[in-house]
């Protein structure tokens, strides 16, 4: 297989999973409506700005690229390995930090409603 040919089956299965997910979600919501309940229980209302999450993730990715470049230059680690490992590590750390920050914000300002 060429490099691009692997994406065809991955895209096919991802599309099937997405369609099944959307069908199941629609059935759940329709059954709630039939019972007279509101489908608002699926909505998450948080007092945490989503820009904080995206900002922290992008900063983590940027720091990961920087550290990956330093590792590639000054160690025996290859360029691809250093970039990918540091991007995922720093991006993951930033999302874990966001989880703790969001928890603190939620405790201080609980959602109204």
PDB file of N, CA and C in Angstrom:
ATOM      1  N   UNK A   1       0.835  -1.194   0.000  1.00  0.00           N
ATOM      2  CA  UNK A   1       0.000   0.000   0.000  1.00  0.00           C
ATOM      3  C   UNK A   1       0.873   1.249   0.000  1.00  0.00           C
ATOM      4  N   UNK A   2       0.461   2.197  -0.761  1.00  0.00           N
ATOM      5  CA  UNK A   2       1.138   3.485  -0.726  1.00  0.00           C
ATOM      6  C   UNK A   2       0.743   4.226   0.541  1.00  0.00           C
ATOM      7  N   UNK A   3       1.409   5.304   0.784  1.00  0.00           N
ATOM      8  CA  UNK A   3       1.143   6.065   1.997  1.00  0.00           C
ATOM      9  C   UNK A   3      -0.283   6.593   2.046  1.00  0.00           C
ATOM     10  N   UNK A   4      -0.833   7.022   0.943  1.00  0.00           N
ATOM     11  CA  UNK A   4      -2.160   7.612   0.922  1.00  0.00           C
ATOM     12  C   UNK A   4      -3.287   6.593   0.942  1.00  0.00           C
ATOM     13  N   UNK A   5      -3.006   5.359   0.563  1.00  0.00           N
ATOM     14  CA  UNK A   5      -4.050   4.342   0.473  1.00  0.00           C
ATOM     15  C   UNK A   5      -4.572   3.903   1.830  1.00  0.00           C
ATOM     16  N   UNK A   6      -3.825   4.096   2.885  1.00  0.00           N
ATOM     17  CA  UNK A   6      -4.264   3.681   4.213  1.00  0.00           C
ATOM     18  C   UNK A   6      -5.411   4.566   4.720  1.00  0.00           C
ATOM     19  N   UNK A   7      -5.492   5.778   4.205  1.00  0.00           N
ATOM     20  CA  UNK A   7      -6.533   6.695   4.681  1.00  0.00           C
ATOM     21  C   UNK A   7      -7.917   6.340   4.161  1.00  0.00           C
ATOM     22  N   UNK A   8      -8.004   5.601   3.077  1.00  0.00           N
ATOM     23  CA  UNK A   8      -9.309   5.239   2.507  1.00  0.00           C
ATOM     24  C   UNK A   8     -10.102   4.346   3.461  1.00  0.00           C
ATOM     25  N   UNK A   9      -9.549   3.222   3.957  1.00  0.00           N
ATOM     26  CA  UNK A   9     -10.339   2.421   4.895  1.00  0.00           C
ATOM     27  C   UNK A   9     -10.582   3.135   6.218  1.00  0.00           C
ATOM     28  N   UNK A  10      -9.623   3.944   6.664  1.00  0.00           N
ATOM     29  CA  UNK A  10      -9.815   4.690   7.911  1.00  0.00           C
ATOM     30  C   UNK A  10     -10.970   5.673   7.758  1.00  0.00           C
ATOM     31  N   UNK A  11     -11.011   6.392   6.652  1.00  0.00           N
ATOM     32  CA  UNK A  11     -12.094   7.341   6.411  1.00  0.00           C
ATOM     33  C   UNK A  11     -13.432   6.617   6.266  1.00  0.00           C
ATOM     34  N   UNK A  12     -13.430   5.450   5.632  1.00  0.00           N
ATOM     35  CA  UNK A  12     -14.653   4.668   5.468  1.00  0.00           C
ATOM     36  C   UNK A  12     -15.230   4.259   6.818  1.00  0.00           C
ATOM     37  N   UNK A  13     -14.403   3.685   7.687  1.00  0.00           N
ATOM     38  CA  UNK A  13     -14.885   3.250   8.991  1.00  0.00           C
ATOM     39  C   UNK A  13     -15.249   4.433   9.881  1.00  0.00           C
ATOM     40  N   UNK A  14     -14.527   5.526   9.787  1.00  0.00           N
ATOM     41  CA  UNK A  14     -14.872   6.713  10.564  1.00  0.00           C
ATOM     42  C   UNK A  14     -16.223   7.269  10.132  1.00  0.00           C
ATOM     43  N   UNK A  15     -16.511   7.220   8.852  1.00  0.00           N
ATOM     44  CA  UNK A  15     -17.806   7.683   8.354  1.00  0.00           C
ATOM     45  C   UNK A  15     -18.932   6.795   8.851  1.00  0.00           C
ATOM     46  N   UNK A  16     -18.720   5.491   8.840  1.00  0.00           N
ATOM     47  CA  UNK A  16     -19.748   4.571   9.341  1.00  0.00           C
ATOM     48  C   UNK A  16     -20.000   4.808  10.828  1.00  0.00           C
ATOM     49  N   UNK A  17     -18.949   4.975  11.608  1.00  0.00           N
ATOM     50  CA  UNK A  17     -19.102   5.225  13.039  1.00  0.00           C
ATOM     51  C   UNK A  17     -19.847   6.532  13.278  1.00  0.00           C
ATOM     52  N   UNK A  18     -19.534   7.569  12.512  1.00  0.00           N
ATOM     53  CA  UNK A  18     -20.212   8.850  12.670  1.00  0.00           C
ATOM     54  C   UNK A  18     -21.695   8.737  12.336  1.00  0.00           C
ATOM     55  N   UNK A  19     -22.032   8.006  11.286  1.00  0.00           N
ATOM     56  CA  UNK A  19     -23.444   7.841  10.901  1.00  0.00           C
ATOM     57  C   UNK A  19     -24.204   7.073  11.974  1.00  0.00           C
ATOM     58  N   UNK A  20     -23.615   5.998  12.489  1.00  0.00           N
ATOM     59  CA  UNK A  20     -24.273   5.223  13.548  1.00  0.00           C
ATOM     60  C   UNK A  20     -24.463   6.078  14.796  1.00  0.00           C
ATOM     61  N   UNK A  21     -23.464   6.874  15.139  1.00  0.00           N
ATOM     62  CA  UNK A  21     -23.565   7.753  16.304  1.00  0.00           C
ATOM     63  C   UNK A  21     -24.709   8.753  16.135  1.00  0.00           C
ATOM     64  N   UNK A  22     -24.805   9.353  14.973  1.00  0.00           N
ATOM     65  CA  UNK A  22     -25.862  10.341  14.747  1.00  0.00           C
ATOM     66  C   UNK A  22     -27.246   9.702  14.754  1.00  0.00           C
ATOM     67  N   UNK A  23     -27.365   8.493  14.214  1.00  0.00           N
ATOM     68  CA  UNK A  23     -28.660   7.800  14.226  1.00  0.00           C
ATOM     69  C   UNK A  23     -29.071   7.466  15.654  1.00  0.00           C
ATOM     70  N   UNK A  24     -28.128   6.963  16.457  1.00  0.00           N
ATOM     71  CA  UNK A  24     -28.442   6.614  17.845  1.00  0.00           C
ATOM     72  C   UNK A  24     -28.796   7.864  18.653  1.00  0.00           C
ATOM     73  N   UNK A  25     -28.097   8.942  18.413  1.00  0.00           N
ATOM     74  CA  UNK A  25     -28.378  10.182  19.130  1.00  0.00           C
ATOM     75  C   UNK A  25     -29.775  10.694  18.791  1.00  0.00           C
ATOM     76  N   UNK A  26     -30.148  10.582  17.526  1.00  0.00           N
ATOM     77  CA  UNK A  26     -31.481  11.025  17.110  1.00  0.00           C
ATOM     78  C   UNK A  26     -32.552  10.170  17.776  1.00  0.00           C
ATOM     79  N   UNK A  27     -32.331   8.848  17.840  1.00  0.00           N
ATOM     80  CA  UNK A  27     -33.309   7.963  18.473  1.00  0.00           C
ATOM     81  C   UNK A  27     -33.473   8.295  19.957  1.00  0.00           C
ATOM     82  N   UNK A  28     -32.371   8.573  20.635  1.00  0.00           N
ATOM     83  CA  UNK A  28     -32.450   8.938  22.055  1.00  0.00           C
ATOM     84  C   UNK A  28     -33.262  10.211  22.247  1.00  0.00           C
ATOM     85  N   UNK A  29     -32.987  11.185  21.442  1.00  0.00           N
ATOM     86  CA  UNK A  29     -33.696  12.464  21.575  1.00  0.00           C
ATOM     87  C   UNK A  29     -35.176  12.332  21.212  1.00  0.00           C
ATOM     88  N   UNK A  30     -35.476  11.535  20.193  1.00  0.00           N
ATOM     89  CA  UNK A  30     -36.884  11.338  19.821  1.00  0.00           C
ATOM     90  C   UNK A  30     -37.641  10.597  20.919  1.00  0.00           C
ATOM     91  N   UNK A  31     -37.005   9.635  21.566  1.00  0.00           N
ATOM     92  CA  UNK A  31     -37.684   8.928  22.654  1.00  0.00           C
ATOM     93  C   UNK A  31     -37.920   9.853  23.842  1.00  0.00           C
ATOM     94  N   UNK A  32     -37.000  10.774  24.086  1.00  0.00           N
ATOM     95  CA  UNK A  32     -37.221  11.754  25.154  1.00  0.00           C
ATOM     96  C   UNK A  32     -38.401  12.663  24.823  1.00  0.00           C
ATOM     97  N   UNK A  33     -38.492  13.086  23.581  1.00  0.00           N
ATOM     98  CA  UNK A  33     -39.594  13.961  23.169  1.00  0.00           C
ATOM     99  C   UNK A  33     -40.917  13.216  23.269  1.00  0.00           C
ATOM    100  N   UNK A  34     -40.936  11.933  22.895  1.00  0.00           N
ATOM    101  CA  UNK A  34     -42.168  11.140  22.989  1.00  0.00           C
ATOM    102  C   UNK A  34     -42.631  10.988  24.424  1.00  0.00           C
ATOM    103  N   UNK A  35     -41.682  10.921  25.361  1.00  0.00           N
ATOM    104  CA  UNK A  35     -42.033  10.803  26.779  1.00  0.00           C
ATOM    105  C   UNK A  35     -42.403  12.146  27.390  1.00  0.00           C
ATOM    106  N   UNK A  36     -42.252  13.213  26.633  1.00  0.00           N
ATOM    107  CA  UNK A  36     -42.595  14.537  27.120  1.00  0.00           C
ATOM    108  C   UNK A  36     -41.472  15.232  27.859  1.00  0.00           C
ATOM    109  N   UNK A  37     -40.286  14.686  27.802  1.00  0.00           N
ATOM    110  CA  UNK A  37     -39.143  15.300  28.461  1.00  0.00           C
ATOM    111  C   UNK A  37     -38.393  16.182  27.475  1.00  0.00           C
ATOM    112  N   UNK A  38     -37.583  17.037  28.021  1.00  0.00           N
ATOM    113  CA  UNK A  38     -36.803  17.940  27.190  1.00  0.00           C
ATOM    114  C   UNK A  38     -35.452  17.305  26.876  1.00  0.00           C
ATOM    115  N   UNK A  39     -34.935  17.597  25.714  1.00  0.00           N
ATOM    116  CA  UNK A  39     -33.630  17.078  25.312  1.00  0.00           C
ATOM    117  C   UNK A  39     -32.497  17.977  25.796  1.00  0.00           C
ATOM    118  N   UNK A  40     -32.800  18.903  26.685  1.00  0.00           N
ATOM    119  CA  UNK A  40     -31.762  19.805  27.184  1.00  0.00           C
ATOM    120  C   UNK A  40     -30.814  19.112  28.143  1.00  0.00           C
ATOM    121  N   UNK A  41     -31.118  17.882  28.564  1.00  0.00           N
ATOM    122  CA  UNK A  41     -30.191  17.192  29.466  1.00  0.00           C
ATOM    123  C   UNK A  41     -28.887  16.838  28.766  1.00  0.00           C
ATOM    124  N   UNK A  42     -28.891  16.832  27.427  1.00  0.00           N
ATOM    125  CA  UNK A  42     -27.669  16.543  26.688  1.00  0.00           C
ATOM    126  C   UNK A  42     -26.766  17.764  26.556  1.00  0.00           C
ATOM    127  N   UNK A  43     -27.313  18.926  26.809  1.00  0.00           N
ATOM    128  CA  UNK A  43     -26.531  20.154  26.672  1.00  0.00           C
ATOM    129  C   UNK A  43     -25.705  20.369  27.927  1.00  0.00           C
ATOM    130  N   UNK A  44     -24.453  20.698  27.736  1.00  0.00           N
ATOM    131  CA  UNK A  44     -23.601  21.004  28.871  1.00  0.00           C
ATOM    132  C   UNK A  44     -23.424  22.513  28.930  1.00  0.00           C
ATOM    133  N   UNK A  45     -23.796  23.057  30.047  1.00  0.00           N
ATOM    134  CA  UNK A  45     -23.637  24.496  30.239  1.00  0.00           C
ATOM    135  C   UNK A  45     -22.566  24.705  31.279  1.00  0.00           C
ATOM    136  N   UNK A  46     -21.485  25.249  30.869  1.00  0.00           N
ATOM    137  CA  UNK A  46     -20.381  25.486  31.782  1.00  0.00           C
ATOM    138  C   UNK A  46     -20.074  26.973  31.809  1.00  0.00           C
ATOM    139  N   UNK A  47     -19.556  27.386  32.928  1.00  0.00           N
ATOM    140  CA  UNK A  47     -19.125  28.772  33.057  1.00  0.00           C
ATOM    141  C   UNK A  47     -17.667  28.935  32.651  1.00  0.00           C
ATOM    142  N   UNK A  48     -17.097  27.904  32.061  1.00  0.00           N
ATOM    143  CA  UNK A  48     -15.699  27.943  31.660  1.00  0.00           C
ATOM    144  C   UNK A  48     -15.629  28.331  30.191  1.00  0.00           C
ATOM    145  N   UNK A  49     -14.904  29.389  29.877  1.00  0.00           N
ATOM    146  CA  UNK A  49     -14.805  29.773  28.460  1.00  0.00           C
ATOM    147  C   UNK A  49     -14.008  28.740  27.670  1.00  0.00           C
ATOM    148  N   UNK A  50     -14.555  28.363  26.521  1.00  0.00           N
ATOM    149  CA  UNK A  50     -13.886  27.384  25.672  1.00  0.00           C
ATOM    150  C   UNK A  50     -12.624  27.958  25.040  1.00  0.00           C
ATOM    151  N   UNK A  51     -12.526  29.257  24.973  1.00  0.00           N
ATOM    152  CA  UNK A  51     -11.309  29.869  24.437  1.00  0.00           C
ATOM    153  C   UNK A  51     -10.117  29.542  25.330  1.00  0.00           C
ATOM    154  N   UNK A  52     -10.367  29.366  26.625  1.00  0.00           N
ATOM    155  CA  UNK A  52      -9.288  28.989  27.537  1.00  0.00           C
ATOM    156  C   UNK A  52      -8.733  27.618  27.170  1.00  0.00           C
ATOM    157  N   UNK A  53      -9.619  26.677  26.876  1.00  0.00           N
ATOM    158  CA  UNK A  53      -9.174  25.328  26.509  1.00  0.00           C
ATOM    159  C   UNK A  53      -8.361  25.363  25.225  1.00  0.00           C
ATOM    160  N   UNK A  54      -8.884  26.034  24.214  1.00  0.00           N
ATOM    161  CA  UNK A  54      -8.177  26.076  22.931  1.00  0.00           C
ATOM    162  C   UNK A  54      -6.872  26.850  23.040  1.00  0.00           C
ATOM    163  N   UNK A  55      -6.877  27.915  23.821  1.00  0.00           N
ATOM    164  CA  UNK A  55      -5.644  28.680  24.014  1.00  0.00           C
ATOM    165  C   UNK A  55      -4.573  27.852  24.705  1.00  0.00           C
ATOM    166  N   UNK A  56      -4.976  27.130  25.756  1.00  0.00           N
ATOM    167  CA  UNK A  56      -4.002  26.292  26.466  1.00  0.00           C
ATOM    168  C   UNK A  56      -3.497  25.165  25.569  1.00  0.00           C
ATOM    169  N   UNK A  57      -4.388  24.564  24.773  1.00  0.00           N
ATOM    170  CA  UNK A  57      -3.969  23.482  23.883  1.00  0.00           C
ATOM    171  C   UNK A  57      -2.978  23.989  22.840  1.00  0.00           C
ATOM    172  N   UNK A  58      -3.264  25.123  22.239  1.00  0.00           N
ATOM    173  CA  UNK A  58      -2.367  25.648  21.206  1.00  0.00           C
ATOM    174  C   UNK A  58      -1.027  26.090  21.795  1.00  0.00           C
ATOM    175  N   UNK A  59      -1.053  26.646  22.995  1.00  0.00           N
ATOM    176  CA  UNK A  59       0.207  26.996  23.659  1.00  0.00           C
ATOM    177  C   UNK A  59       0.999  25.726  23.960  1.00  0.00           C
ATOM    178  N   UNK A  60       0.312  24.669  24.416  1.00  0.00           N
ATOM    179  CA  UNK A  60       0.983  23.400  24.678  1.00  0.00           C
ATOM    180  C   UNK A  60       1.598  22.812  23.429  1.00  0.00           C
ATOM    181  N   UNK A  61       0.881  22.897  22.318  1.00  0.00           N
ATOM    182  CA  UNK A  61       1.426  22.393  21.053  1.00  0.00           C
ATOM    183  C   UNK A  61       2.643  23.210  20.633  1.00  0.00           C
ATOM    184  N   UNK A  62       2.569  24.524  20.807  1.00  0.00           N
ATOM    185  CA  UNK A  62       3.708  25.374  20.463  1.00  0.00           C
ATOM    186  C   UNK A  62       4.926  25.069  21.318  1.00  0.00           C
ATOM    187  N   UNK A  63       4.706  24.891  22.608  1.00  0.00           N
ATOM    188  CA  UNK A  63       5.817  24.530  23.497  1.00  0.00           C
ATOM    189  C   UNK A  63       6.361  23.155  23.117  1.00  0.00           C
ATOM    190  N   UNK A  64       5.474  22.239  22.746  1.00  0.00           N
ATOM    191  CA  UNK A  64       5.911  20.911  22.316  1.00  0.00           C
ATOM    192  C   UNK A  64       6.772  20.963  21.068  1.00  0.00           C
ATOM    193  N   UNK A  65       6.401  21.800  20.126  1.00  0.00           N
ATOM    194  CA  UNK A  65       7.215  21.958  18.912  1.00  0.00           C
ATOM    195  C   UNK A  65       8.587  22.521  19.256  1.00  0.00           C
ATOM    196  N   UNK A  66       8.608  23.510  20.158  1.00  0.00           N
ATOM    197  CA  UNK A  66       9.872  24.109  20.570  1.00  0.00           C
ATOM    198  C   UNK A  66      10.763  23.087  21.276  1.00  0.00           C
ATOM    199  N   UNK A  67      10.212  22.349  22.223  1.00  0.00           N
ATOM    200  CA  UNK A  67      11.000  21.346  22.938  1.00  0.00           C
ATOM    201  C   UNK A  67      11.413  20.221  21.985  1.00  0.00           C
ATOM    202  N   UNK A  68      10.529  19.840  21.066  1.00  0.00           N
ATOM    203  CA  UNK A  68      10.879  18.814  20.088  1.00  0.00           C
ATOM    204  C   UNK A  68      12.042  19.239  19.216  1.00  0.00           C
ATOM    205  N   UNK A  69      12.056  20.494  18.838  1.00  0.00           N
ATOM    206  CA  UNK A  69      13.168  21.006  18.027  1.00  0.00           C
ATOM    207  C   UNK A  69      14.474  20.982  18.813  1.00  0.00           C
ATOM    208  N   UNK A  70      14.397  21.361  20.077  1.00  0.00           N
ATOM    209  CA  UNK A  70      15.600  21.331  20.913  1.00  0.00           C
ATOM    210  C   UNK A  70      16.102  19.905  21.078  1.00  0.00           C
ATOM    211  N   UNK A  71      15.175  18.953  21.308  1.00  0.00           N
ATOM    212  CA  UNK A  71      15.573  17.554  21.431  1.00  0.00           C
ATOM    213  C   UNK A  71      16.184  17.024  20.141  1.00  0.00           C
ATOM    214  N   UNK A  72      15.629  17.421  18.999  1.00  0.00           N
ATOM    215  CA  UNK A  72      16.150  16.947  17.717  1.00  0.00           C
ATOM    216  C   UNK A  72      17.557  17.477  17.460  1.00  0.00           C
ATOM    217  N   UNK A  73      17.825  18.701  17.909  1.00  0.00           N
ATOM    218  CA  UNK A  73      19.135  19.294  17.656  1.00  0.00           C
ATOM    219  C   UNK A  73      20.216  18.773  18.599  1.00  0.00           C
ATOM    220  N   UNK A  74      19.867  18.603  19.877  1.00  0.00           N
ATOM    221  CA  UNK A  74      20.905  18.341  20.867  1.00  0.00           C
ATOM    222  C   UNK A  74      20.943  16.917  21.402  1.00  0.00           C
ATOM    223  N   UNK A  75      20.093  16.035  20.919  1.00  0.00           N
ATOM    224  CA  UNK A  75      20.130  14.638  21.356  1.00  0.00           C
ATOM    225  C   UNK A  75      20.196  13.735  20.130  1.00  0.00           C
ATOM    226  N   UNK A  76      20.305  12.443  20.395  1.00  0.00           N
ATOM    227  CA  UNK A  76      20.357  11.467  19.308  1.00  0.00           C
ATOM    228  C   UNK A  76      18.955  11.078  18.847  1.00  0.00           C
ATOM    229  N   UNK A  77      17.943  11.652  19.461  1.00  0.00           N
ATOM    230  CA  UNK A  77      16.565  11.345  19.087  1.00  0.00           C
ATOM    231  C   UNK A  77      16.278  11.910  17.696  1.00  0.00           C
ATOM    232  N   UNK A  78      15.559  11.161  16.902  1.00  0.00           N
ATOM    233  CA  UNK A  78      15.229  11.602  15.555  1.00  0.00           C
ATOM    234  C   UNK A  78      14.263  12.782  15.570  1.00  0.00           C
ATOM    235  N   UNK A  79      14.189  13.461  14.445  1.00  0.00           N
ATOM    236  CA  UNK A  79      13.350  14.655  14.359  1.00  0.00           C
ATOM    237  C   UNK A  79      11.868  14.321  14.491  1.00  0.00           C
ATOM    238  N   UNK A  80      11.408  13.296  13.781  1.00  0.00           N
ATOM    239  CA  UNK A  80       9.986  12.941  13.842  1.00  0.00           C
ATOM    240  C   UNK A  80       9.573  12.506  15.236  1.00  0.00           C
ATOM    241  N   UNK A  81      10.399  11.657  15.859  1.00  0.00           N
ATOM    242  CA  UNK A  81      10.067  11.157  17.183  1.00  0.00           C
ATOM    243  C   UNK A  81      10.018  12.285  18.205  1.00  0.00           C
ATOM    244  N   UNK A  82      10.969  13.184  18.125  1.00  0.00           N
ATOM    245  CA  UNK A  82      11.009  14.262  19.113  1.00  0.00           C
ATOM    246  C   UNK A  82       9.832  15.216  18.928  1.00  0.00           C
ATOM    247  N   UNK A  83       9.497  15.561  17.688  1.00  0.00           N
ATOM    248  CA  UNK A  83       8.373  16.473  17.467  1.00  0.00           C
ATOM    249  C   UNK A  83       7.051  15.858  17.911  1.00  0.00           C
ATOM    250  N   UNK A  84       6.767  14.642  17.442  1.00  0.00           N
ATOM    251  CA  UNK A  84       5.483  14.030  17.775  1.00  0.00           C
ATOM    252  C   UNK A  84       5.340  13.774  19.269  1.00  0.00           C
ATOM    253  N   UNK A  85       6.394  13.255  19.887  1.00  0.00           N
ATOM    254  CA  UNK A  85       6.279  12.944  21.313  1.00  0.00           C
ATOM    255  C   UNK A  85       6.087  14.214  22.138  1.00  0.00           C
ATOM    256  N   UNK A  86       6.801  15.255  21.835  1.00  0.00           N
ATOM    257  CA  UNK A  86       6.684  16.474  22.632  1.00  0.00           C
ATOM    258  C   UNK A  86       5.385  17.222  22.364  1.00  0.00           C
ATOM    259  N   UNK A  87       4.905  17.200  21.121  1.00  0.00           N
ATOM    260  CA  UNK A  87       3.629  17.853  20.820  1.00  0.00           C
ATOM    261  C   UNK A  87       2.501  17.162  21.571  1.00  0.00           C
ATOM    262  N   UNK A  88       2.461  15.828  21.528  1.00  0.00           N
ATOM    263  CA  UNK A  88       1.410  15.104  22.233  1.00  0.00           C
ATOM    264  C   UNK A  88       1.556  15.231  23.742  1.00  0.00           C
ATOM    265  N   UNK A  89       2.772  15.185  24.244  1.00  0.00           N
ATOM    266  CA  UNK A  89       2.995  15.291  25.685  1.00  0.00           C
ATOM    267  C   UNK A  89       2.585  16.670  26.197  1.00  0.00           C
ATOM    268  N   UNK A  90       3.074  17.712  25.563  1.00  0.00           N
ATOM    269  CA  UNK A  90       2.755  19.071  26.026  1.00  0.00           C
ATOM    270  C   UNK A  90       1.288  19.422  25.779  1.00  0.00           C
ATOM    271  N   UNK A  91       0.717  18.971  24.662  1.00  0.00           N
ATOM    272  CA  UNK A  91      -0.703  19.194  24.421  1.00  0.00           C
ATOM    273  C   UNK A  91      -1.560  18.484  25.453  1.00  0.00           C
ATOM    274  N   UNK A  92      -1.206  17.255  25.793  1.00  0.00           N
ATOM    275  CA  UNK A  92      -1.937  16.506  26.808  1.00  0.00           C
ATOM    276  C   UNK A  92      -1.818  17.141  28.180  1.00  0.00           C
ATOM    277  N   UNK A  93      -0.628  17.585  28.533  1.00  0.00           N
ATOM    278  CA  UNK A  93      -0.432  18.253  29.821  1.00  0.00           C
ATOM    279  C   UNK A  93      -1.275  19.521  29.893  1.00  0.00           C
ATOM    280  N   UNK A  94      -1.345  20.268  28.796  1.00  0.00           N
ATOM    281  CA  UNK A  94      -2.139  21.496  28.809  1.00  0.00           C
ATOM    282  C   UNK A  94      -3.624  21.185  28.981  1.00  0.00           C
ATOM    283  N   UNK A  95      -4.119  20.086  28.389  1.00  0.00           N
ATOM    284  CA  UNK A  95      -5.525  19.719  28.566  1.00  0.00           C
ATOM    285  C   UNK A  95      -5.813  19.224  29.980  1.00  0.00           C
ATOM    286  N   UNK A  96      -4.858  18.529  30.598  1.00  0.00           N
ATOM    287  CA  UNK A  96      -5.033  18.113  31.993  1.00  0.00           C
ATOM    288  C   UNK A  96      -5.063  19.341  32.894  1.00  0.00           C
ATOM    289  N   UNK A  97      -4.178  20.289  32.655  1.00  0.00           N
ATOM    290  CA  UNK A  97      -4.197  21.537  33.430  1.00  0.00           C
ATOM    291  C   UNK A  97      -5.513  22.279  33.234  1.00  0.00           C
ATOM    292  N   UNK A  98      -6.031  22.295  32.014  1.00  0.00           N
ATOM    293  CA  UNK A  98      -7.325  22.933  31.777  1.00  0.00           C
ATOM    294  C   UNK A  98      -8.418  22.251  32.579  1.00  0.00           C
ATOM    295  N   UNK A  99      -8.383  20.937  32.684  1.00  0.00           N
ATOM    296  CA  UNK A  99      -9.395  20.203  33.449  1.00  0.00           C
ATOM    297  C   UNK A  99      -9.394  20.669  34.907  1.00  0.00           C
ATOM    298  N   UNK A 100      -8.211  20.816  35.499  1.00  0.00           N
ATOM    299  CA  UNK A 100      -8.143  21.267  36.884  1.00  0.00           C
ATOM    300  C   UNK A 100      -8.580  22.722  37.023  1.00  0.00           C
ATOM    301  N   UNK A 101      -8.191  23.580  36.103  1.00  0.00           N
ATOM    302  CA  UNK A 101      -8.591  24.988  36.144  1.00  0.00           C
ATOM    303  C   UNK A 101     -10.099  25.105  35.966  1.00  0.00           C
ATOM    304  N   UNK A 102     -10.668  24.339  35.038  1.00  0.00           N
ATOM    305  CA  UNK A 102     -12.110  24.373  34.809  1.00  0.00           C
ATOM    306  C   UNK A 102     -12.862  23.888  36.042  1.00  0.00           C
ATOM    307  N   UNK A 103     -12.331  22.877  36.721  1.00  0.00           N
ATOM    308  CA  UNK A 103     -12.956  22.396  37.950  1.00  0.00           C
ATOM    309  C   UNK A 103     -12.981  23.469  39.018  1.00  0.00           C
ATOM    310  N   UNK A 104     -11.888  24.215  39.136  1.00  0.00           N
ATOM    311  CA  UNK A 104     -11.852  25.303  40.120  1.00  0.00           C
ATOM    312  C   UNK A 104     -12.828  26.411  39.754  1.00  0.00           C
ATOM    313  N   UNK A 105     -12.926  26.736  38.471  1.00  0.00           N
ATOM    314  CA  UNK A 105     -13.856  27.778  38.039  1.00  0.00           C
ATOM    315  C   UNK A 105     -15.290  27.335  38.277  1.00  0.00           C
ATOM    316  N   UNK A 106     -15.590  26.063  38.014  1.00  0.00           N
ATOM    317  CA  UNK A 106     -16.944  25.538  38.233  1.00  0.00           C
ATOM    318  C   UNK A 106     -17.310  25.563  39.708  1.00  0.00           C
ATOM    319  N   UNK A 107     -16.353  25.287  40.605  1.00  0.00           N
ATOM    320  CA  UNK A 107     -16.625  25.330  42.043  1.00  0.00           C
ATOM    321  C   UNK A 107     -16.926  26.752  42.503  1.00  0.00           C
ATOM    322  N   UNK A 108     -16.192  27.713  41.954  1.00  0.00           N
ATOM    323  CA  UNK A 108     -16.400  29.108  42.363  1.00  0.00           C
ATOM    324  C   UNK A 108     -17.669  29.693  41.763  1.00  0.00           C
ATOM    325  N   UNK A 109     -17.986  29.325  40.524  1.00  0.00           N
ATOM    326  CA  UNK A 109     -19.160  29.865  39.823  1.00  0.00           C
ATOM    327  C   UNK A 109     -20.002  28.710  39.286  1.00  0.00           C
ATOM    328  N   UNK A 110     -20.873  28.126  40.107  1.00  0.00           N
ATOM    329  CA  UNK A 110     -21.690  27.027  39.594  1.00  0.00           C
ATOM    330  C   UNK A 110     -22.678  27.530  38.533  1.00  0.00           C
ATOM    331  N   UNK A 111     -23.024  26.667  37.558  1.00  0.00           N
ATOM    332  CA  UNK A 111     -23.955  27.085  36.498  1.00  0.00           C
ATOM    333  C   UNK A 111     -25.327  27.380  37.072  1.00  0.00           C
ATOM    334  N   UNK A 112     -25.973  28.371  36.505  1.00  0.00           N
ATOM    335  CA  UNK A 112     -27.318  28.776  36.935  1.00  0.00           C
ATOM    336  C   UNK A 112     -28.328  27.991  36.123  1.00  0.00           C
ATOM    337  N   UNK A 113     -29.288  27.413  36.786  1.00  0.00           N
ATOM    338  CA  UNK A 113     -30.345  26.737  36.037  1.00  0.00           C
ATOM    339  C   UNK A 113     -30.615  25.398  36.464  1.00  0.00           C
TER     340      UNK A 113
END
